Amino acid sequence: LTPRKGQKRVNWQTPGWEKAYGERMDAFLAAITAPNRRVIWLGLPHMEMRSLEKKLELIREIQRLAIERYGAAGAYVDTTSL
């Protein structure tokens, strides 16, 4: 994750990356929140390259959980079968 002002870079597969990415998702969702607004999050598609797909499995899960925390105003759409 690229650093925000005053923060250090969080590298992939290091302690704290999953937490930092989840926090980034939460901040993004908070930034787009408005009354009567729904968020429909399209999950990342399946990738044929196994090394990339392994990373995306984790990213999809973090995104899905962030949308769940968003509550009834959010919906996660799994696109891996498409």
Protein backbone atom coordinates (compact mmCIF):
# COMPACT_ATOMS: atom_id res chain seq x y z
CA LEU A 1 0.00 0.00 0.00
CA THR A 2 1.38 3.36 -0.93
CA PRO A 3 1.80 5.61 2.06
CA ARG A 4 -0.47 8.46 2.92
CA LYS A 5 1.04 11.66 4.20
CA GLY A 6 2.81 10.96 7.48
CA GLN A 7 2.56 7.17 7.13
CA LYS A 8 5.02 4.48 6.16
CA ARG A 9 4.57 2.14 3.22
CA VAL A 10 2.95 -1.18 4.12
CA ASN A 11 4.42 -3.95 2.00
CA TRP A 12 2.50 -6.99 0.77
CA GLN A 13 2.67 -10.04 3.06
CA THR A 14 4.03 -8.09 6.00
CA PRO A 15 2.39 -7.89 9.40
CA GLY A 16 -0.26 -5.24 9.28
CA TRP A 17 -0.94 -5.28 5.53
CA GLU A 18 -4.40 -6.86 5.82
CA LYS A 19 -5.37 -4.45 8.60
CA ALA A 20 -4.03 -1.45 6.65
CA TYR A 21 -5.90 -2.48 3.50
CA GLY A 22 -9.12 -2.95 5.48
CA GLU A 23 -8.70 0.48 7.02
CA ARG A 24 -8.13 1.95 3.56
CA MET A 25 -11.37 0.31 2.39
CA ASP A 26 -13.25 1.65 5.41
CA ALA A 27 -11.90 5.16 4.77
CA PHE A 28 -12.93 5.00 1.11
CA LEU A 29 -16.43 3.85 2.00
CA ALA A 30 -16.73 6.59 4.62
CA ALA A 31 -15.68 9.17 2.03
CA ILE A 32 -18.45 8.18 -0.37
CA THR A 33 -21.13 7.80 2.27
CA ALA A 34 -24.22 9.96 1.92
CA PRO A 35 -27.81 9.64 3.06
CA ASN A 36 -29.84 7.25 0.93
CA ARG A 37 -26.76 6.14 -1.01
CA ARG A 38 -26.05 2.46 -1.65
CA VAL A 39 -22.71 1.00 -2.61
CA ILE A 40 -22.59 -1.99 -4.92
CA TRP A 41 -19.03 -3.33 -4.91
CA LEU A 42 -18.04 -5.56 -7.81
CA GLY A 43 -15.45 -8.04 -6.64
CA LEU A 44 -12.28 -8.47 -8.63
CA PRO A 45 -12.55 -11.05 -11.43
CA HIS A 46 -10.75 -14.37 -11.47
CA MET A 47 -7.24 -14.22 -12.93
CA GLU A 48 -5.59 -17.11 -14.74
CA MET A 49 -2.11 -16.37 -13.36
CA ARG A 50 -2.00 -18.42 -10.12
CA SER A 51 0.41 -16.10 -8.27
CA LEU A 52 -1.85 -13.10 -8.93
CA GLU A 53 -5.03 -15.04 -8.15
CA LYS A 54 -3.65 -16.06 -4.75
CA LYS A 55 -3.19 -12.38 -3.87
CA LEU A 56 -6.61 -11.47 -5.18
CA GLU A 57 -8.27 -14.11 -3.01
CA LEU A 58 -7.09 -12.22 0.05
CA ILE A 59 -7.96 -8.81 -1.40
CA ARG A 60 -11.48 -9.96 -2.34
CA GLU A 61 -12.07 -11.23 1.19
CA ILE A 62 -10.96 -7.95 2.76
CA GLN A 63 -13.17 -6.01 0.35
CA ARG A 64 -16.14 -8.27 1.08
CA LEU A 65 -15.72 -7.83 4.82
CA ALA A 66 -15.47 -4.04 4.44
CA ILE A 67 -18.73 -4.00 2.49
CA GLU A 68 -20.34 -6.15 5.20
CA ARG A 69 -19.22 -3.58 7.81
CA TYR A 70 -20.88 -0.92 5.64
CA GLY A 71 -24.16 -2.57 6.54
CA ALA A 72 -27.44 -2.58 4.65
CA ALA A 73 -26.25 0.28 2.44
CA GLY A 74 -23.67 -1.99 0.80
CA ALA A 75 -23.71 -5.06 -1.38
CA TYR A 76 -20.76 -7.16 -2.54
CA VAL A 77 -21.10 -8.90 -5.90
CA ASP A 78 -18.75 -11.83 -6.45
CA THR A 79 -17.60 -11.77 -10.08
CA THR A 80 -15.14 -14.67 -10.00
CA SER A 81 -17.53 -17.01 -11.82
CA LEU A 82 -17.94 -14.51 -14.65
